[in-house]
């Protein structure tokens, strides 16, 4: 049985681990995000079908997929895990485990999504990493606003380049 972790923002807004019952809404949010990316100069990062439904299901089962909701309305989702990312370690090895943020998406009904995710993640680790496509200017701006530093370019398993960012808390 999944353990649902929640993090509240004020009285009604919170982050919680996604359940399989949330799959339909998560798929809607990712569809919205794909369309947003296409119309904002980033048609290739997720194309027409990423992330795949099977990837989302795996993220939910592994309890690394989270939703942000207010009341009963889910308006954003993301993946958060702690450990080491193979692609990150190739050129930017770390001596400590870090939090990894992936597949951030929202329906745009609320602002400050990345800030909320970073606040949530910083309570769990001292080092955060996130990567994004070079054409994803929206995400780059949001990441840099949160004081992430650009480490450089990494390559995914399929060879696609991504910009890797890191945020370290004072230890």
C-alpha atoms as a PDB file:
ATOM      1  CA  UNK A   1       0.000   0.000   0.000  1.00  0.00           C
ATOM      2  CA  UNK A   2       1.463   3.402  -0.974  1.00  0.00           C
ATOM      3  CA  UNK A   3       2.459   5.886   1.681  1.00  0.00           C
ATOM      4  CA  UNK A   4       1.094   9.302   0.823  1.00  0.00           C
ATOM      5  CA  UNK A   5       3.425  12.123   1.760  1.00  0.00           C
ATOM      6  CA  UNK A   6       1.879  15.545   1.819  1.00  0.00           C
ATOM      7  CA  UNK A   7       3.306  19.012   2.066  1.00  0.00           C
ATOM      8  CA  UNK A   8       0.834  21.813   2.612  1.00  0.00           C
ATOM      9  CA  UNK A   9       1.055  25.342   1.243  1.00  0.00           C
ATOM     10  CA  UNK A  10      -1.380  27.373   3.263  1.00  0.00           C
ATOM     11  CA  UNK A  11      -4.770  25.964   4.086  1.00  0.00           C
ATOM     12  CA  UNK A  12      -5.826  24.228   0.882  1.00  0.00           C
ATOM     13  CA  UNK A  13      -2.859  23.750  -1.463  1.00  0.00           C
ATOM     14  CA  UNK A  14      -0.651  20.718  -1.007  1.00  0.00           C
ATOM     15  CA  UNK A  15       1.750  18.292  -2.644  1.00  0.00           C
ATOM     16  CA  UNK A  16       1.116  14.583  -2.280  1.00  0.00           C
ATOM     17  CA  UNK A  17       2.284  11.341  -3.798  1.00  0.00           C
ATOM     18  CA  UNK A  18       0.135  10.475  -6.801  1.00  0.00           C
ATOM     19  CA  UNK A  19      -2.052   7.400  -6.807  1.00  0.00           C
ATOM     20  CA  UNK A  20      -3.201   5.378  -9.786  1.00  0.00           C
ATOM     21  CA  UNK A  21      -6.602   7.086  -9.362  1.00  0.00           C
ATOM     22  CA  UNK A  22      -4.876  10.318 -10.460  1.00  0.00           C
ATOM     23  CA  UNK A  23      -3.682   8.879 -13.798  1.00  0.00           C
ATOM     24  CA  UNK A  24      -6.429  10.457 -15.920  1.00  0.00           C
ATOM     25  CA  UNK A  25      -5.786  13.938 -14.587  1.00  0.00           C
ATOM     26  CA  UNK A  26      -2.011  13.534 -14.854  1.00  0.00           C
ATOM     27  CA  UNK A  27      -2.387  12.519 -18.506  1.00  0.00           C
ATOM     28  CA  UNK A  28      -4.511  15.646 -19.124  1.00  0.00           C
ATOM     29  CA  UNK A  29      -1.858  17.856 -17.515  1.00  0.00           C
ATOM     30  CA  UNK A  30       0.920  16.312 -19.616  1.00  0.00           C
ATOM     31  CA  UNK A  31      -1.176  16.810 -22.775  1.00  0.00           C
ATOM     32  CA  UNK A  32      -1.640  20.455 -21.866  1.00  0.00           C
ATOM     33  CA  UNK A  33       2.098  20.799 -21.185  1.00  0.00           C
ATOM     34  CA  UNK A  34       3.018  19.241 -24.559  1.00  0.00           C
ATOM     35  CA  UNK A  35       0.763  21.710 -26.361  1.00  0.00           C
ATOM     36  CA  UNK A  36       2.166  24.605 -24.336  1.00  0.00           C
ATOM     37  CA  UNK A  37       5.727  23.581 -25.188  1.00  0.00           C
ATOM     38  CA  UNK A  38       4.907  23.297 -28.896  1.00  0.00           C
ATOM     39  CA  UNK A  39       3.403  26.783 -29.004  1.00  0.00           C
ATOM     40  CA  UNK A  40       6.300  28.273 -27.005  1.00  0.00           C
ATOM     41  CA  UNK A  41       9.215  27.154 -29.170  1.00  0.00           C
ATOM     42  CA  UNK A  42       9.863  23.718 -27.658  1.00  0.00           C
ATOM     43  CA  UNK A  43       8.133  21.131 -29.876  1.00  0.00           C
ATOM     44  CA  UNK A  44      10.779  18.409 -29.570  1.00  0.00           C
ATOM     45  CA  UNK A  45      11.362  17.837 -25.853  1.00  0.00           C
ATOM     46  CA  UNK A  46       8.187  15.802 -25.291  1.00  0.00           C
ATOM     47  CA  UNK A  47       6.867  15.637 -28.856  1.00  0.00           C
ATOM     48  CA  UNK A  48       3.388  14.140 -29.114  1.00  0.00           C
ATOM     49  CA  UNK A  49       3.688  11.242 -26.703  1.00  0.00           C
ATOM     50  CA  UNK A  50       6.130  11.832 -23.854  1.00  0.00           C
ATOM     51  CA  UNK A  51       6.099  11.014 -21.108  1.00  0.00           C
ATOM     52  CA  UNK A  52       4.559   7.665 -22.046  1.00  0.00           C
ATOM     53  CA  UNK A  53       1.633   6.382 -19.996  1.00  0.00           C
ATOM     54  CA  UNK A  54       3.762   3.379 -18.950  1.00  0.00           C
ATOM     55  CA  UNK A  55       6.476   5.722 -17.612  1.00  0.00           C
ATOM     56  CA  UNK A  56       3.892   7.663 -15.611  1.00  0.00           C
ATOM     57  CA  UNK A  57       2.447   4.418 -14.234  1.00  0.00           C
ATOM     58  CA  UNK A  58       5.936   3.272 -13.221  1.00  0.00           C
ATOM     59  CA  UNK A  59       6.560   6.633 -11.508  1.00  0.00           C
ATOM     60  CA  UNK A  60       3.302   6.297  -9.566  1.00  0.00           C
ATOM     61  CA  UNK A  61       4.053   2.703  -8.533  1.00  0.00           C
ATOM     62  CA  UNK A  62       7.552   3.713  -7.395  1.00  0.00           C
ATOM     63  CA  UNK A  63       6.000   6.565  -5.356  1.00  0.00           C
ATOM     64  CA  UNK A  64       8.096   9.219  -7.094  1.00  0.00           C
ATOM     65  CA  UNK A  65       5.242  10.931  -8.962  1.00  0.00           C
ATOM     66  CA  UNK A  66       3.647  13.816  -7.084  1.00  0.00           C
ATOM     67  CA  UNK A  67       0.685  16.072  -7.693  1.00  0.00           C
ATOM     68  CA  UNK A  68       0.028  19.601  -6.529  1.00  0.00           C
ATOM     69  CA  UNK A  69      -3.582  20.251  -5.720  1.00  0.00           C
ATOM     70  CA  UNK A  70      -5.901  22.767  -4.208  1.00  0.00           C
ATOM     71  CA  UNK A  71      -9.019  21.212  -2.787  1.00  0.00           C
ATOM     72  CA  UNK A  72      -9.913  18.446  -5.225  1.00  0.00           C
ATOM     73  CA  UNK A  73      -8.279  20.159  -8.220  1.00  0.00           C
ATOM     74  CA  UNK A  74      -4.926  18.733  -9.337  1.00  0.00           C
ATOM     75  CA  UNK A  75      -3.157  21.446 -11.335  1.00  0.00           C
ATOM     76  CA  UNK A  76       0.441  20.191 -11.576  1.00  0.00           C
ATOM     77  CA  UNK A  77       2.554  17.070 -11.401  1.00  0.00           C
ATOM     78  CA  UNK A  78       6.225  16.174 -11.244  1.00  0.00           C
ATOM     79  CA  UNK A  79       8.656  13.409 -10.407  1.00  0.00           C
ATOM     80  CA  UNK A  80      10.983  13.609  -7.420  1.00  0.00           C
ATOM     81  CA  UNK A  81      13.522  10.984  -6.403  1.00  0.00           C
ATOM     82  CA  UNK A  82      16.644  10.873  -4.266  1.00  0.00           C
ATOM     83  CA  UNK A  83      19.807   9.112  -5.366  1.00  0.00           C
ATOM     84  CA  UNK A  84      22.124   9.359  -8.358  1.00  0.00           C
ATOM     85  CA  UNK A  85      21.155   9.840 -12.016  1.00  0.00           C
ATOM     86  CA  UNK A  86      23.341   7.841 -14.403  1.00  0.00           C
ATOM     87  CA  UNK A  87      23.359  10.559 -17.072  1.00  0.00           C
ATOM     88  CA  UNK A  88      24.286  13.234 -14.516  1.00  0.00           C
ATOM     89  CA  UNK A  89      27.152  11.247 -13.070  1.00  0.00           C
ATOM     90  CA  UNK A  90      28.990  10.792 -16.378  1.00  0.00           C
ATOM     91  CA  UNK A  91      30.385  14.333 -16.445  1.00  0.00           C
ATOM     92  CA  UNK A  92      29.124  15.819 -13.166  1.00  0.00           C
ATOM     93  CA  UNK A  93      29.725  13.181 -10.507  1.00  0.00           C
ATOM     94  CA  UNK A  94      28.548  13.899  -6.988  1.00  0.00           C
ATOM     95  CA  UNK A  95      29.876  12.568  -3.692  1.00  0.00           C
ATOM     96  CA  UNK A  96      26.439  12.864  -2.047  1.00  0.00           C
ATOM     97  CA  UNK A  97      22.979  11.706  -3.032  1.00  0.00           C
ATOM     98  CA  UNK A  98      20.796  14.460  -4.416  1.00  0.00           C
ATOM     99  CA  UNK A  99      17.183  15.093  -5.192  1.00  0.00           C
ATOM    100  CA  UNK A 100      16.190  14.881  -8.849  1.00  0.00           C
ATOM    101  CA  UNK A 101      13.216  16.754 -10.249  1.00  0.00           C
ATOM    102  CA  UNK A 102      11.802  15.500 -13.550  1.00  0.00           C
ATOM    103  CA  UNK A 103       8.731  15.827 -15.785  1.00  0.00           C
ATOM    104  CA  UNK A 104       7.325  19.039 -14.305  1.00  0.00           C
ATOM    105  CA  UNK A 105       3.968  19.967 -15.848  1.00  0.00           C
ATOM    106  CA  UNK A 106       0.973  22.104 -14.982  1.00  0.00           C
ATOM    107  CA  UNK A 107      -2.343  23.164 -16.422  1.00  0.00           C
ATOM    108  CA  UNK A 108      -1.268  26.823 -15.965  1.00  0.00           C
ATOM    109  CA  UNK A 109      -4.178  27.571 -13.639  1.00  0.00           C
ATOM    110  CA  UNK A 110      -1.710  28.460 -10.849  1.00  0.00           C
ATOM    111  CA  UNK A 111       1.678  30.137 -10.941  1.00  0.00           C
ATOM    112  CA  UNK A 112       4.863  29.436  -9.016  1.00  0.00           C
ATOM    113  CA  UNK A 113       4.876  25.693  -9.658  1.00  0.00           C
ATOM    114  CA  UNK A 114       8.670  25.309  -9.747  1.00  0.00           C
ATOM    115  CA  UNK A 115       9.005  27.362  -6.554  1.00  0.00           C
ATOM    116  CA  UNK A 116       6.537  25.057  -4.778  1.00  0.00           C
ATOM    117  CA  UNK A 117       8.360  21.954  -6.015  1.00  0.00           C
ATOM    118  CA  UNK A 118      11.747  23.302  -4.945  1.00  0.00           C
ATOM    119  CA  UNK A 119      10.397  24.223  -1.484  1.00  0.00           C
ATOM    120  CA  UNK A 120       9.036  20.672  -1.152  1.00  0.00           C
ATOM    121  CA  UNK A 121      12.291  19.031  -2.307  1.00  0.00           C
ATOM    122  CA  UNK A 122      14.605  21.220  -0.206  1.00  0.00           C
ATOM    123  CA  UNK A 123      12.969  19.826   2.920  1.00  0.00           C
ATOM    124  CA  UNK A 124      14.257  16.378   1.943  1.00  0.00           C
ATOM    125  CA  UNK A 125      17.797  16.951   0.588  1.00  0.00           C
ATOM    126  CA  UNK A 126      20.592  19.523   0.576  1.00  0.00           C
ATOM    127  CA  UNK A 127      21.392  19.185  -3.138  1.00  0.00           C
ATOM    128  CA  UNK A 128      18.874  19.295  -5.986  1.00  0.00           C
ATOM    129  CA  UNK A 129      19.424  18.626  -9.668  1.00  0.00           C
ATOM    130  CA  UNK A 130      17.176  19.186 -12.652  1.00  0.00           C
ATOM    131  CA  UNK A 131      17.735  19.127 -16.384  1.00  0.00           C
ATOM    132  CA  UNK A 132      15.847  20.592 -19.284  1.00  0.00           C
ATOM    133  CA  UNK A 133      15.884  20.917 -23.058  1.00  0.00           C
ATOM    134  CA  UNK A 134      17.750  23.848 -24.589  1.00  0.00           C
ATOM    135  CA  UNK A 135      14.491  25.061 -26.174  1.00  0.00           C
ATOM    136  CA  UNK A 136      12.562  25.001 -22.899  1.00  0.00           C
ATOM    137  CA  UNK A 137      13.045  28.667 -22.024  1.00  0.00           C
ATOM    138  CA  UNK A 138      10.064  28.655 -19.647  1.00  0.00           C
ATOM    139  CA  UNK A 139      11.677  25.999 -17.456  1.00  0.00           C
ATOM    140  CA  UNK A 140      15.149  27.535 -17.719  1.00  0.00           C
ATOM    141  CA  UNK A 141      13.781  30.851 -16.460  1.00  0.00           C
ATOM    142  CA  UNK A 142      11.911  29.165 -13.602  1.00  0.00           C
ATOM    143  CA  UNK A 143      14.969  27.128 -12.574  1.00  0.00           C
ATOM    144  CA  UNK A 144      17.300  30.119 -12.670  1.00  0.00           C
ATOM    145  CA  UNK A 145      14.801  32.195 -10.671  1.00  0.00           C
ATOM    146  CA  UNK A 146      15.139  29.552  -7.928  1.00  0.00           C
ATOM    147  CA  UNK A 147      18.939  30.126  -7.903  1.00  0.00           C
ATOM    148  CA  UNK A 148      19.927  26.865  -9.598  1.00  0.00           C
ATOM    149  CA  UNK A 149      23.372  27.035 -11.213  1.00  0.00           C
ATOM    150  CA  UNK A 150      23.998  25.651 -14.666  1.00  0.00           C
ATOM    151  CA  UNK A 151      26.510  22.788 -14.516  1.00  0.00           C
ATOM    152  CA  UNK A 152      26.684  22.041 -18.240  1.00  0.00           C
ATOM    153  CA  UNK A 153      25.354  19.688 -20.893  1.00  0.00           C
ATOM    154  CA  UNK A 154      24.478  16.047 -20.244  1.00  0.00           C
ATOM    155  CA  UNK A 155      23.196  13.463 -22.719  1.00  0.00           C
ATOM    156  CA  UNK A 156      20.243  11.150 -22.196  1.00  0.00           C
ATOM    157  CA  UNK A 157      20.351   7.466 -23.147  1.00  0.00           C
ATOM    158  CA  UNK A 158      19.087   8.332 -26.633  1.00  0.00           C
ATOM    159  CA  UNK A 159      21.878  10.895 -27.063  1.00  0.00           C
ATOM    160  CA  UNK A 160      19.642  13.952 -26.637  1.00  0.00           C
ATOM    161  CA  UNK A 161      21.427  16.860 -24.949  1.00  0.00           C
ATOM    162  CA  UNK A 162      19.989  18.521 -21.855  1.00  0.00           C
ATOM    163  CA  UNK A 163      21.130  21.410 -19.684  1.00  0.00           C
ATOM    164  CA  UNK A 164      21.888  20.231 -16.147  1.00  0.00           C
ATOM    165  CA  UNK A 165      21.310  22.550 -13.197  1.00  0.00           C
ATOM    166  CA  UNK A 166      22.125  22.155  -9.513  1.00  0.00           C
ATOM    167  CA  UNK A 167      21.037  23.868  -6.313  1.00  0.00           C
ATOM    168  CA  UNK A 168      23.047  23.346  -3.130  1.00  0.00           C
ATOM    169  CA  UNK A 169      21.928  24.401   0.306  1.00  0.00           C
ATOM    170  CA  UNK A 170      24.569  25.644   2.734  1.00  0.00           C
ATOM    171  CA  UNK A 171      25.610  22.611   4.742  1.00  0.00           C
END
